[in-house]
Structures are given as structure tokens and as C-alpha cells.
Amino acid sequence: VTSEDTLNKMDGGNQSLVSEFILGGLAHSQNIQALLFVIFLILYMLIVSGNIVILVLITTDPHLHSPMYFLLANLSFVDMCLSSNTTPKMISDFLRENKTISFAGCMSQVFFSHCIAAGEMVLLVVMAYDRYVAICKPLHYFTIMNLKRCTGLVLTSWTTGIMHGISYMVVIVRLPFCGPKEIDSFFCDMPLVIKLACMDSHDLNTLMNADCGVVAITCFILLLISYTYILITVRQSSKSGSSKALSTCSAHITVVMIFFVPCIFIYVWPLNITWLDKFFAVFYSVFTPLLNPAIYTLRNKEMKNAMKRFIKTT
């Protein structure tokens, strides 16, 4: 009778058998967890403060009211959202013996992780397109990259991300979960959650990875094409204008690499090595949002000047 009831619940898509999941976290030693708590708390505060500084500077400084900085402000906001989806929970779990997350909380992490990540991929393509127009078609730049088009491109990135996240949620929330419920990570990630379903999940996991791969590889190829055209144009241009363009593009390319490499090894070409997956997950959700503001502020003369002007006025 019990087995029949269980099957009926599973067939009906009822998730009541598993109301929460247990997260494995990053470490088991209390001393190491205390150390990680301090480290990641400081890193998260730097992420939030660094990206807020960029948003404030771009919003308040008239010298930064250009399409490139409008897109950069959106990237900073997306990075803050990406880190805030998983990092606060990870930090609080360092102080807890039982690292649990509700079913709804777990599904929310899956949705927002893929929604924000896909949106950021498209946004990075938009930023590459902006640099392509600025360098390859400078006379038509402000005609092509006007406020209306920039807003439309940003909305397109968010729409793509939301649709991508919904496509995962439609599948995952209907899976039958009846145990085990331990996730060997610090947050609910799509491949790890699918493995817990009471069914043969190999084909589904392959399909989800392929879906991720289509978005990631398509964006990556578009980025490669854009920056190839840009670098060819820069080589043919005068030395005076090429140095600034090359500096800006090198910053963009650096951001692209540190964002896409972990994504590719987690979803598109998984290595199935637990400690390496955790490292890439931490890098993707903590260090990428931290490095982006550092790269764009430390290597950008206009941002440095804006910071000086902001300090003087305050």
C-alpha cells in the first residue's frame, strides 16, 4: 500500500515527499568553515560595494552618460544579482550545523542562476557589439547606439534570461523527488538537482546541458566574431586611437573569459570532478562579480577620473 501511495504521489508530480534539501557546503571542519565565513563575507561586501560604486558613478557623472557606460552599469547590476542569489546563503551556512534549503528556495536558486547567467551572456554580446560599432563604425556610433536601441538590447538580454530560466523551471519542478536529498555543493545547481530525481536522469541531464550549451556557445561564438573584427580594425588604424580601443577591448575580453570558462566546464563540458565543480561554482558566483568592477575601474581612466570628481564633490 505504501509503495502504491508513493507511486501515485510521484505520478501526480507531488513534491511533498521532499520538502527540503541538505547542502554539503564547501568544508566540514568547523575551523575551516569559520575562516571561510570571514573570507566570503569580506568578498561579498566588496562585490556589493564595488558594483554599487560603479552604478552611482555612472548614474551621477554626466561624463559617463554614454552607451558603453550604460551597458556597464547594467552589467554591474547583473553581477550583484548573480552573486546575491547564492553567496548570502553560503555565508550563513558556514555558521550552521544543518545546512538545509527549502524546496521552493532550491528551485528559486536554480531559476535565478540560469536566468541571470543567460542574461549576462547576452549582455556581454551586446557590449561587444557596442565596441564593434564604436571602433569599426565610429561616424555612425551615436546614431546606431542611441538610448532607445541600448534599452531595447538590455531588455532583450533580460527577456532571454527569463525565458531560459523558465524553460528549466518547467522541467525541474515537475520531477519526482523522493530521496536522497543531499546536494554536494553550497547551492542548488541544475545538474545536481536533476541527479536527485527518482528516475533515470541521464537523458534529461544531457538535454539540459545541451540547452545550456546552445546559449553559451552561441554567445561565445558571437563574442569571438565581434572581437576578431575589432582587433583587425584596431591593427589597421592609427596608433593614437588604437591604444585606448585595445585597452577597452582587452578589459572586455578578460571579463568574457573569466565568465565563460567556468560556465563551459560546469554545464557544456562537465568534468564530473566534485572539488573542481565546487571551485568553478565559487569562481563563477563570487570571484567573477568581484573581478568585473576591479577590471573596469582599475583599467579605465574615465572611471578613475569620475571617482576623483565624485570624491571632490562629496
C-alpha atoms as a PDB file:
ATOM      1  CA  VAL A   1       0.000   0.000   0.000  1.00  0.00           C
ATOM      2  CA  THR A   2       2.843   2.351   0.907  1.00  0.00           C
ATOM      3  CA  SER A   3       4.622   1.774  -2.394  1.00  0.00           C
ATOM      4  CA  GLU A   4       1.379   2.352  -4.314  1.00  0.00           C
ATOM      5  CA  ASP A   5       0.801   5.634  -2.468  1.00  0.00           C
ATOM      6  CA  THR A   6       4.348   6.689  -3.214  1.00  0.00           C
ATOM      7  CA  LEU A   7       3.953   5.932  -6.901  1.00  0.00           C
ATOM      8  CA  ASN A   8       0.659   7.797  -7.029  1.00  0.00           C
ATOM      9  CA  LYS A   9       2.295  10.851  -5.471  1.00  0.00           C
ATOM     10  CA  MET A  10       5.182  10.651  -7.893  1.00  0.00           C
ATOM     11  CA  ASP A  11       2.933  10.191 -10.915  1.00  0.00           C
ATOM     12  CA  GLY A  12       0.921  13.216  -9.891  1.00  0.00           C
ATOM     13  CA  GLY A  13       4.075  15.324  -9.701  1.00  0.00           C
ATOM     14  CA  ASN A  14       3.586  15.868  -5.957  1.00  0.00           C
ATOM     15  CA  GLN A  15       6.770  17.177  -4.363  1.00  0.00           C
ATOM     16  CA  SER A  16       5.616  16.674  -0.747  1.00  0.00           C
ATOM     17  CA  LEU A  17       7.955  13.714  -0.242  1.00  0.00           C
ATOM     18  CA  VAL A  18      10.903  16.115  -0.236  1.00  0.00           C
ATOM     19  CA  SER A  19      10.168  19.479   1.381  1.00  0.00           C
ATOM     20  CA  GLU A  20      13.825  20.488   1.741  1.00  0.00           C
ATOM     21  CA  PHE A  21      17.314  19.601   0.554  1.00  0.00           C
ATOM     22  CA  ILE A  22      20.572  19.264   2.515  1.00  0.00           C
ATOM     23  CA  LEU A  23      23.568  21.185   1.176  1.00  0.00           C
ATOM     24  CA  GLY A  24      27.026  19.660   1.543  1.00  0.00           C
ATOM     25  CA  GLY A  25      28.775  23.039   1.638  1.00  0.00           C
ATOM     26  CA  LEU A  26      32.444  23.678   0.940  1.00  0.00           C
ATOM     27  CA  ALA A  27      34.050  22.185   4.045  1.00  0.00           C
ATOM     28  CA  HIS A  28      33.264  20.034   7.093  1.00  0.00           C
ATOM     29  CA  SER A  29      35.818  21.298   9.613  1.00  0.00           C
ATOM     30  CA  GLN A  30      34.398  23.977  11.926  1.00  0.00           C
ATOM     31  CA  ASN A  31      37.679  25.914  11.947  1.00  0.00           C
ATOM     32  CA  ILE A  32      37.835  25.981   8.158  1.00  0.00           C
ATOM     33  CA  GLN A  33      34.175  26.992   7.976  1.00  0.00           C
ATOM     34  CA  ALA A  34      34.804  29.882  10.388  1.00  0.00           C
ATOM     35  CA  LEU A  35      37.718  31.036   8.227  1.00  0.00           C
ATOM     36  CA  LEU A  36      35.651  30.728   5.028  1.00  0.00           C
ATOM     37  CA  PHE A  37      32.845  32.689   6.695  1.00  0.00           C
ATOM     38  CA  VAL A  38      35.155  35.663   7.269  1.00  0.00           C
ATOM     39  CA  ILE A  39      36.736  35.434   3.790  1.00  0.00           C
ATOM     40  CA  PHE A  40      33.485  35.177   1.832  1.00  0.00           C
ATOM     41  CA  LEU A  41      31.734  37.790   3.955  1.00  0.00           C
ATOM     42  CA  ILE A  42      34.504  40.266   3.109  1.00  0.00           C
ATOM     43  CA  LEU A  43      34.400  39.260  -0.585  1.00  0.00           C
ATOM     44  CA  TYR A  44      30.629  39.650  -0.748  1.00  0.00           C
ATOM     45  CA  MET A  45      30.797  43.094   0.868  1.00  0.00           C
ATOM     46  CA  LEU A  46      33.424  44.072  -1.726  1.00  0.00           C
ATOM     47  CA  ILE A  47      31.187  42.759  -4.533  1.00  0.00           C
ATOM     48  CA  VAL A  48      28.174  44.752  -3.380  1.00  0.00           C
ATOM     49  CA  SER A  49      30.088  47.938  -2.553  1.00  0.00           C
ATOM     50  CA  GLY A  50      32.218  47.789  -5.732  1.00  0.00           C
ATOM     51  CA  ASN A  51      29.264  47.351  -8.064  1.00  0.00           C
ATOM     52  CA  ILE A  52      27.216  49.990  -6.209  1.00  0.00           C
ATOM     53  CA  VAL A  53      30.098  52.445  -6.632  1.00  0.00           C
ATOM     54  CA  ILE A  54      30.087  51.792 -10.395  1.00  0.00           C
ATOM     55  CA  LEU A  55      26.307  52.259 -10.558  1.00  0.00           C
ATOM     56  CA  VAL A  56      26.474  55.519  -8.581  1.00  0.00           C
ATOM     57  CA  LEU A  57      29.361  56.943 -10.639  1.00  0.00           C
ATOM     58  CA  ILE A  58      27.716  56.142 -13.980  1.00  0.00           C
ATOM     59  CA  THR A  59      24.352  57.480 -12.830  1.00  0.00           C
ATOM     60  CA  THR A  60      25.602  60.741 -11.317  1.00  0.00           C
ATOM     61  CA  ASP A  61      28.554  61.685 -13.555  1.00  0.00           C
ATOM     62  CA  PRO A  62      27.499  63.348 -16.870  1.00  0.00           C
ATOM     63  CA  HIS A  63      30.851  62.383 -18.436  1.00  0.00           C
ATOM     64  CA  LEU A  64      29.820  58.714 -18.188  1.00  0.00           C
ATOM     65  CA  HIS A  65      26.404  59.117 -19.809  1.00  0.00           C
ATOM     66  CA  SER A  66      27.319  57.123 -22.914  1.00  0.00           C
ATOM     67  CA  PRO A  67      26.113  53.774 -24.330  1.00  0.00           C
ATOM     68  CA  MET A  68      29.224  51.914 -23.148  1.00  0.00           C
ATOM     69  CA  TYR A  69      28.799  53.006 -19.528  1.00  0.00           C
ATOM     70  CA  PHE A  70      25.032  52.485 -19.664  1.00  0.00           C
ATOM     71  CA  LEU A  71      25.747  48.842 -20.540  1.00  0.00           C
ATOM     72  CA  LEU A  72      28.489  48.650 -17.907  1.00  0.00           C
ATOM     73  CA  ALA A  73      26.026  49.840 -15.252  1.00  0.00           C
ATOM     74  CA  ASN A  74      23.653  47.067 -16.266  1.00  0.00           C
ATOM     75  CA  LEU A  75      26.499  44.540 -16.082  1.00  0.00           C
ATOM     76  CA  SER A  76      27.306  45.677 -12.536  1.00  0.00           C
ATOM     77  CA  PHE A  77      23.658  45.266 -11.528  1.00  0.00           C
ATOM     78  CA  VAL A  78      23.520  41.784 -13.084  1.00  0.00           C
ATOM     79  CA  ASP A  79      26.753  40.774 -11.319  1.00  0.00           C
ATOM     80  CA  MET A  80      25.324  41.884  -7.973  1.00  0.00           C
ATOM     81  CA  CYS A  81      22.184  39.814  -8.610  1.00  0.00           C
ATOM     82  CA  LEU A  82      24.248  36.790  -9.693  1.00  0.00           C
ATOM     83  CA  SER A  83      26.308  36.779  -6.502  1.00  0.00           C
ATOM     84  CA  SER A  84      23.353  37.615  -4.220  1.00  0.00           C
ATOM     85  CA  ASN A  85      21.462  34.571  -5.464  1.00  0.00           C
ATOM     86  CA  THR A  86      23.805  32.096  -3.746  1.00  0.00           C
ATOM     87  CA  THR A  87      26.521  33.843  -1.704  1.00  0.00           C
ATOM     88  CA  PRO A  88      24.458  35.082   1.304  1.00  0.00           C
ATOM     89  CA  LYS A  89      23.052  31.579   1.807  1.00  0.00           C
ATOM     90  CA  MET A  90      26.539  30.078   1.548  1.00  0.00           C
ATOM     91  CA  ILE A  91      27.912  32.575   4.097  1.00  0.00           C
ATOM     92  CA  SER A  92      25.126  31.931   6.616  1.00  0.00           C
ATOM     93  CA  ASP A  93      25.528  28.150   6.210  1.00  0.00           C
ATOM     94  CA  PHE A  94      29.138  28.376   7.405  1.00  0.00           C
ATOM     95  CA  LEU A  95      27.687  29.100  10.864  1.00  0.00           C
ATOM     96  CA  ARG A  96      25.083  26.328  10.739  1.00  0.00           C
ATOM     97  CA  GLU A  97      25.455  22.669  11.542  1.00  0.00           C
ATOM     98  CA  ASN A  98      22.422  21.681   9.451  1.00  0.00           C
ATOM     99  CA  LYS A  99      22.722  23.262   6.018  1.00  0.00           C
ATOM    100  CA  THR A 100      19.198  22.867   4.662  1.00  0.00           C
ATOM    101  CA  ILE A 101      17.283  24.736   1.985  1.00  0.00           C
ATOM    102  CA  SER A 102      13.556  24.534   1.313  1.00  0.00           C
ATOM    103  CA  PHE A 103      12.231  23.046  -1.911  1.00  0.00           C
ATOM    104  CA  ALA A 104      10.982  26.483  -3.020  1.00  0.00           C
ATOM    105  CA  GLY A 105      14.319  28.079  -2.102  1.00  0.00           C
ATOM    106  CA  CYS A 106      16.197  25.437  -4.052  1.00  0.00           C
ATOM    107  CA  MET A 107      14.040  25.915  -7.141  1.00  0.00           C
ATOM    108  CA  SER A 108      14.477  29.691  -6.845  1.00  0.00           C
ATOM    109  CA  GLN A 109      18.267  29.314  -6.849  1.00  0.00           C
ATOM    110  CA  VAL A 110      18.116  27.144  -9.970  1.00  0.00           C
ATOM    111  CA  PHE A 111      15.828  29.621 -11.749  1.00  0.00           C
ATOM    112  CA  PHE A 112      17.751  32.788 -10.892  1.00  0.00           C
ATOM    113  CA  SER A 113      21.166  31.186 -11.529  1.00  0.00           C
ATOM    114  CA  HIS A 114      20.233  30.351 -15.115  1.00  0.00           C
ATOM    115  CA  CYS A 115      18.081  33.427 -15.663  1.00  0.00           C
ATOM    116  CA  ILE A 116      20.826  35.845 -14.578  1.00  0.00           C
ATOM    117  CA  ALA A 117      23.672  33.891 -16.205  1.00  0.00           C
ATOM    118  CA  ALA A 118      21.930  33.677 -19.595  1.00  0.00           C
ATOM    119  CA  GLY A 119      21.031  37.362 -19.357  1.00  0.00           C
ATOM    120  CA  GLU A 120      24.655  38.255 -18.628  1.00  0.00           C
ATOM    121  CA  MET A 121      25.878  36.221 -21.594  1.00  0.00           C
ATOM    122  CA  VAL A 122      23.599  38.147 -23.941  1.00  0.00           C
ATOM    123  CA  LEU A 123      24.582  41.429 -22.249  1.00  0.00           C
ATOM    124  CA  LEU A 124      28.273  40.663 -22.862  1.00  0.00           C
ATOM    125  CA  VAL A 125      27.425  40.117 -26.546  1.00  0.00           C
ATOM    126  CA  VAL A 126      25.621  43.479 -26.564  1.00  0.00           C
ATOM    127  CA  MET A 127      28.699  45.134 -25.012  1.00  0.00           C
ATOM    128  CA  ALA A 128      30.893  43.540 -27.686  1.00  0.00           C
ATOM    129  CA  TYR A 129      28.516  44.854 -30.364  1.00  0.00           C
ATOM    130  CA  ASP A 130      28.770  48.312 -28.798  1.00  0.00           C
ATOM    131  CA  ARG A 131      32.574  48.198 -29.045  1.00  0.00           C
ATOM    132  CA  TYR A 132      32.334  46.875 -32.616  1.00  0.00           C
ATOM    133  CA  VAL A 133      30.187  49.846 -33.669  1.00  0.00           C
ATOM    134  CA  ALA A 134      32.389  52.324 -31.770  1.00  0.00           C
ATOM    135  CA  ILE A 135      35.621  51.101 -33.358  1.00  0.00           C
ATOM    136  CA  CYS A 136      34.546  49.811 -36.765  1.00  0.00           C
ATOM    137  CA  LYS A 137      31.816  52.407 -37.495  1.00  0.00           C
ATOM    138  CA  PRO A 138      32.769  55.439 -35.364  1.00  0.00           C
ATOM    139  CA  LEU A 139      30.983  58.048 -37.513  1.00  0.00           C
ATOM    140  CA  HIS A 140      27.636  56.273 -37.072  1.00  0.00           C
ATOM    141  CA  TYR A 141      28.137  55.273 -33.428  1.00  0.00           C
ATOM    142  CA  PHE A 142      25.677  57.617 -31.718  1.00  0.00           C
ATOM    143  CA  THR A 143      23.123  57.061 -34.467  1.00  0.00           C
ATOM    144  CA  ILE A 144      23.252  53.276 -34.100  1.00  0.00           C
ATOM    145  CA  MET A 145      23.778  53.046 -30.328  1.00  0.00           C
ATOM    146  CA  ASN A 146      21.132  55.549 -29.259  1.00  0.00           C
ATOM    147  CA  LEU A 147      19.323  55.304 -25.911  1.00  0.00           C
ATOM    148  CA  LYS A 148      16.297  53.573 -27.432  1.00  0.00           C
ATOM    149  CA  ARG A 149      18.399  50.831 -29.022  1.00  0.00           C
ATOM    150  CA  CYS A 150      20.555  50.375 -25.914  1.00  0.00           C
ATOM    151  CA  THR A 151      17.447  49.998 -23.749  1.00  0.00           C
ATOM    152  CA  GLY A 152      15.972  47.527 -26.236  1.00  0.00           C
ATOM    153  CA  LEU A 153      19.165  45.439 -26.247  1.00  0.00           C
ATOM    154  CA  VAL A 154      19.285  45.358 -22.435  1.00  0.00           C
ATOM    155  CA  LEU A 155      15.603  44.319 -22.304  1.00  0.00           C
ATOM    156  CA  THR A 156      16.417  41.615 -24.855  1.00  0.00           C
ATOM    157  CA  SER A 157      19.148  40.248 -22.573  1.00  0.00           C
ATOM    158  CA  TRP A 158      16.752  40.127 -19.598  1.00  0.00           C
ATOM    159  CA  THR A 159      13.981  38.554 -21.702  1.00  0.00           C
ATOM    160  CA  THR A 160      16.385  35.878 -22.942  1.00  0.00           C
ATOM    161  CA  GLY A 161      17.499  35.165 -19.377  1.00  0.00           C
ATOM    162  CA  ILE A 162      13.946  34.936 -18.033  1.00  0.00           C
ATOM    163  CA  MET A 163      12.846  32.602 -20.848  1.00  0.00           C
ATOM    164  CA  HIS A 164      15.932  30.440 -20.292  1.00  0.00           C
ATOM    165  CA  GLY A 165      15.258  30.237 -16.539  1.00  0.00           C
ATOM    166  CA  ILE A 166      11.570  29.406 -17.079  1.00  0.00           C
ATOM    167  CA  SER A 167      12.473  26.612 -19.507  1.00  0.00           C
ATOM    168  CA  TYR A 168      14.462  24.946 -16.702  1.00  0.00           C
ATOM    169  CA  MET A 169      11.821  25.522 -14.048  1.00  0.00           C
ATOM    170  CA  VAL A 170       9.058  23.962 -16.149  1.00  0.00           C
ATOM    171  CA  VAL A 171      11.083  20.744 -16.274  1.00  0.00           C
ATOM    172  CA  ILE A 172      12.659  20.626 -12.807  1.00  0.00           C
ATOM    173  CA  VAL A 173       9.621  21.444 -10.627  1.00  0.00           C
ATOM    174  CA  ARG A 174       7.727  18.521 -12.176  1.00  0.00           C
ATOM    175  CA  LEU A 175      10.433  15.959 -11.390  1.00  0.00           C
ATOM    176  CA  PRO A 176       9.611  13.334  -8.740  1.00  0.00           C
ATOM    177  CA  PHE A 177      11.835  13.832  -5.669  1.00  0.00           C
ATOM    178  CA  CYS A 178      11.522  11.142  -3.008  1.00  0.00           C
ATOM    179  CA  GLY A 179      15.066  10.899  -1.663  1.00  0.00           C
ATOM    180  CA  PRO A 180      18.025  11.042  -1.298  1.00  0.00           C
ATOM    181  CA  LYS A 181      18.057  14.798  -0.793  1.00  0.00           C
ATOM    182  CA  GLU A 182      21.747  15.627  -0.201  1.00  0.00           C
ATOM    183  CA  ILE A 183      23.333  18.079  -2.662  1.00  0.00           C
ATOM    184  CA  ASP A 184      27.123  18.023  -2.607  1.00  0.00           C
ATOM    185  CA  SER A 185      27.555  21.756  -3.162  1.00  0.00           C
ATOM    186  CA  PHE A 186      26.904  25.085  -1.451  1.00  0.00           C
ATOM    187  CA  PHE A 187      23.834  25.868  -3.597  1.00  0.00           C
ATOM    188  CA  CYS A 188      21.185  24.160  -5.720  1.00  0.00           C
ATOM    189  CA  ASP A 189      22.619  23.713  -9.172  1.00  0.00           C
ATOM    190  CA  MET A 190      20.663  22.254 -12.043  1.00  0.00           C
ATOM    191  CA  PRO A 191      22.780  19.114 -12.761  1.00  0.00           C
ATOM    192  CA  LEU A 192      22.973  18.220  -9.045  1.00  0.00           C
ATOM    193  CA  VAL A 193      19.225  18.640  -8.502  1.00  0.00           C
ATOM    194  CA  ILE A 194      18.361  16.516 -11.550  1.00  0.00           C
ATOM    195  CA  LYS A 195      20.513  13.676 -10.170  1.00  0.00           C
ATOM    196  CA  LEU A 196      18.242  13.503  -7.092  1.00  0.00           C
ATOM    197  CA  ALA A 197      15.096  12.771  -9.121  1.00  0.00           C
ATOM    198  CA  CYS A 198      13.538   9.330  -8.640  1.00  0.00           C
ATOM    199  CA  MET A 199      14.042   8.399 -12.271  1.00  0.00           C
ATOM    200  CA  ASP A 200      16.744   7.768 -14.829  1.00  0.00           C
ATOM    201  CA  SER A 201      18.034  11.313 -15.228  1.00  0.00           C
ATOM    202  CA  HIS A 202      20.891  10.741 -17.685  1.00  0.00           C
ATOM    203  CA  ASP A 203      18.960  11.737 -20.819  1.00  0.00           C
ATOM    204  CA  LEU A 204      17.344  14.713 -19.097  1.00  0.00           C
ATOM    205  CA  ASN A 205      20.685  15.937 -17.781  1.00  0.00           C
ATOM    206  CA  THR A 206      22.159  15.654 -21.279  1.00  0.00           C
ATOM    207  CA  LEU A 207      19.211  17.609 -22.697  1.00  0.00           C
ATOM    208  CA  MET A 208      19.546  20.370 -20.076  1.00  0.00           C
ATOM    209  CA  ASN A 209      23.302  20.628 -20.667  1.00  0.00           C
ATOM    210  CA  ALA A 210      22.654  20.836 -24.409  1.00  0.00           C
ATOM    211  CA  ASP A 211      20.158  23.641 -23.807  1.00  0.00           C
ATOM    212  CA  CYS A 212      22.766  25.476 -21.729  1.00  0.00           C
ATOM    213  CA  GLY A 213      25.367  24.765 -24.376  1.00  0.00           C
ATOM    214  CA  VAL A 214      23.281  26.335 -27.140  1.00  0.00           C
ATOM    215  CA  VAL A 215      23.048  29.631 -25.229  1.00  0.00           C
ATOM    216  CA  ALA A 216      26.666  29.640 -24.028  1.00  0.00           C
ATOM    217  CA  ILE A 217      28.315  28.519 -27.275  1.00  0.00           C
ATOM    218  CA  THR A 218      26.162  30.813 -29.444  1.00  0.00           C
ATOM    219  CA  CYS A 219      27.049  33.837 -27.296  1.00  0.00           C
ATOM    220  CA  PHE A 220      30.713  32.801 -27.164  1.00  0.00           C
ATOM    221  CA  ILE A 221      30.929  32.477 -30.969  1.00  0.00           C
ATOM    222  CA  LEU A 222      29.266  35.879 -31.445  1.00  0.00           C
ATOM    223  CA  LEU A 223      31.764  37.371 -28.998  1.00  0.00           C
ATOM    224  CA  LEU A 224      34.700  35.803 -30.848  1.00  0.00           C
ATOM    225  CA  ILE A 225      33.430  37.173 -34.174  1.00  0.00           C
ATOM    226  CA  SER A 226      32.900  40.666 -32.737  1.00  0.00           C
ATOM    227  CA  TYR A 227      36.312  40.918 -31.101  1.00  0.00           C
ATOM    228  CA  THR A 228      38.046  39.435 -34.154  1.00  0.00           C
ATOM    229  CA  TYR A 229      36.587  42.198 -36.322  1.00  0.00           C
ATOM    230  CA  ILE A 230      37.534  44.759 -33.666  1.00  0.00           C
ATOM    231  CA  LEU A 231      41.143  43.569 -33.366  1.00  0.00           C
ATOM    232  CA  ILE A 232      41.563  43.526 -37.162  1.00  0.00           C
ATOM    233  CA  THR A 233      40.231  47.103 -37.371  1.00  0.00           C
ATOM    234  CA  VAL A 234      42.470  48.236 -34.493  1.00  0.00           C
ATOM    235  CA  ARG A 235      45.570  46.829 -36.206  1.00  0.00           C
ATOM    236  CA  GLN A 236      44.765  48.790 -39.346  1.00  0.00           C
ATOM    237  CA  SER A 237      44.012  52.057 -37.544  1.00  0.00           C
ATOM    238  CA  SER A 238      46.357  54.764 -36.305  1.00  0.00           C
ATOM    239  CA  LYS A 239      48.406  54.185 -33.161  1.00  0.00           C
ATOM    240  CA  SER A 240      46.886  57.127 -31.296  1.00  0.00           C
ATOM    241  CA  GLY A 241      43.352  55.763 -31.322  1.00  0.00           C
ATOM    242  CA  SER A 242      44.224  52.093 -31.232  1.00  0.00           C
ATOM    243  CA  SER A 243      45.806  52.059 -27.765  1.00  0.00           C
ATOM    244  CA  LYS A 244      42.622  53.223 -25.996  1.00  0.00           C
ATOM    245  CA  ALA A 245      40.448  50.876 -28.066  1.00  0.00           C
ATOM    246  CA  LEU A 246      42.776  47.971 -27.395  1.00  0.00           C
ATOM    247  CA  SER A 247      42.784  48.711 -23.650  1.00  0.00           C
ATOM    248  CA  THR A 248      38.965  48.781 -23.528  1.00  0.00           C
ATOM    249  CA  CYS A 249      38.631  45.599 -25.579  1.00  0.00           C
ATOM    250  CA  SER A 250      41.240  43.741 -23.537  1.00  0.00           C
ATOM    251  CA  ALA A 251      39.200  44.511 -20.404  1.00  0.00           C
ATOM    252  CA  HIS A 252      36.050  43.209 -22.116  1.00  0.00           C
ATOM    253  CA  ILE A 253      37.809  40.056 -23.342  1.00  0.00           C
ATOM    254  CA  THR A 254      39.169  39.389 -19.837  1.00  0.00           C
ATOM    255  CA  VAL A 255      35.648  39.633 -18.380  1.00  0.00           C
ATOM    256  CA  VAL A 256      34.309  37.324 -21.108  1.00  0.00           C
ATOM    257  CA  MET A 257      36.945  34.679 -20.397  1.00  0.00           C
ATOM    258  CA  ILE A 258      36.528  34.654 -16.603  1.00  0.00           C
ATOM    259  CA  PHE A 259      32.741  34.400 -17.025  1.00  0.00           C
ATOM    260  CA  PHE A 260      32.505  31.804 -19.798  1.00  0.00           C
ATOM    261  CA  VAL A 261      35.270  29.359 -18.809  1.00  0.00           C
ATOM    262  CA  PRO A 262      33.596  28.224 -15.536  1.00  0.00           C
ATOM    263  CA  CYS A 263      30.190  28.023 -17.271  1.00  0.00           C
ATOM    264  CA  ILE A 264      31.571  25.836 -20.032  1.00  0.00           C
ATOM    265  CA  PHE A 265      33.204  23.399 -17.596  1.00  0.00           C
ATOM    266  CA  ILE A 266      30.120  23.223 -15.346  1.00  0.00           C
ATOM    267  CA  TYR A 267      27.384  22.833 -17.957  1.00  0.00           C
ATOM    268  CA  VAL A 268      28.666  22.445 -21.525  1.00  0.00           C
ATOM    269  CA  TRP A 269      31.667  20.177 -20.919  1.00  0.00           C
ATOM    270  CA  PRO A 270      31.261  18.842 -17.352  1.00  0.00           C
ATOM    271  CA  LEU A 271      34.343  17.145 -15.878  1.00  0.00           C
ATOM    272  CA  ASN A 272      32.407  15.368 -13.082  1.00  0.00           C
ATOM    273  CA  ILE A 273      35.138  16.134 -10.534  1.00  0.00           C
ATOM    274  CA  THR A 274      33.412  17.275  -7.331  1.00  0.00           C
ATOM    275  CA  TRP A 275      36.107  19.574  -5.914  1.00  0.00           C
ATOM    276  CA  LEU A 276      36.713  21.142  -9.334  1.00  0.00           C
ATOM    277  CA  ASP A 277      32.982  21.724  -9.864  1.00  0.00           C
ATOM    278  CA  LYS A 278      32.837  23.462  -6.462  1.00  0.00           C
ATOM    279  CA  PHE A 279      35.844  25.605  -7.369  1.00  0.00           C
ATOM    280  CA  PHE A 280      34.274  26.661 -10.682  1.00  0.00           C
ATOM    281  CA  ALA A 281      30.948  27.335  -8.934  1.00  0.00           C
ATOM    282  CA  VAL A 282      32.646  29.590  -6.364  1.00  0.00           C
ATOM    283  CA  PHE A 283      34.649  31.334  -9.072  1.00  0.00           C
ATOM    284  CA  TYR A 284      31.505  31.829 -11.160  1.00  0.00           C
ATOM    285  CA  SER A 285      29.294  33.175  -8.348  1.00  0.00           C
ATOM    286  CA  VAL A 286      31.842  35.057  -6.192  1.00  0.00           C
ATOM    287  CA  PHE A 287      35.055  35.912  -8.000  1.00  0.00           C
ATOM    288  CA  THR A 288      33.560  36.868 -11.378  1.00  0.00           C
ATOM    289  CA  PRO A 289      31.248  39.551  -9.882  1.00  0.00           C
ATOM    290  CA  LEU A 290      34.238  40.741  -7.814  1.00  0.00           C
ATOM    291  CA  LEU A 291      36.712  40.887 -10.697  1.00  0.00           C
ATOM    292  CA  ASN A 292      34.386  42.711 -13.102  1.00  0.00           C
ATOM    293  CA  PRO A 293      34.268  46.022 -11.183  1.00  0.00           C
ATOM    294  CA  ALA A 294      38.002  45.762 -10.454  1.00  0.00           C
ATOM    295  CA  ILE A 295      38.840  45.258 -14.133  1.00  0.00           C
ATOM    296  CA  TYR A 296      36.591  48.051 -15.367  1.00  0.00           C
ATOM    297  CA  THR A 297      37.620  50.609 -12.727  1.00  0.00           C
ATOM    298  CA  LEU A 298      41.338  49.897 -12.342  1.00  0.00           C
ATOM    299  CA  ARG A 299      41.953  49.746 -16.105  1.00  0.00           C
ATOM    300  CA  ASN A 300      39.626  52.574 -17.108  1.00  0.00           C
ATOM    301  CA  LYS A 301      40.949  56.136 -16.996  1.00  0.00           C
ATOM    302  CA  GLU A 302      37.483  57.716 -17.310  1.00  0.00           C
ATOM    303  CA  MET A 303      36.178  55.710 -14.351  1.00  0.00           C
ATOM    304  CA  LYS A 304      39.208  56.796 -12.275  1.00  0.00           C
ATOM    305  CA  ASN A 305      38.581  60.429 -13.167  1.00  0.00           C
ATOM    306  CA  ALA A 306      34.901  60.054 -12.317  1.00  0.00           C
ATOM    307  CA  MET A 307      35.876  58.609  -8.947  1.00  0.00           C
ATOM    308  CA  LYS A 308      38.143  61.632  -8.269  1.00  0.00           C
ATOM    309  CA  ARG A 309      35.355  64.058  -9.240  1.00  0.00           C
ATOM    310  CA  PHE A 310      32.887  62.192  -7.013  1.00  0.00           C
ATOM    311  CA  ILE A 311      35.268  62.327  -4.026  1.00  0.00           C
ATOM    312  CA  LYS A 312      35.837  66.067  -4.524  1.00  0.00           C
ATOM    313  CA  THR A 313      32.117  66.836  -4.658  1.00  0.00           C
ATOM    314  CA  THR A 314      31.415  64.826  -1.506  1.00  0.00           C
END
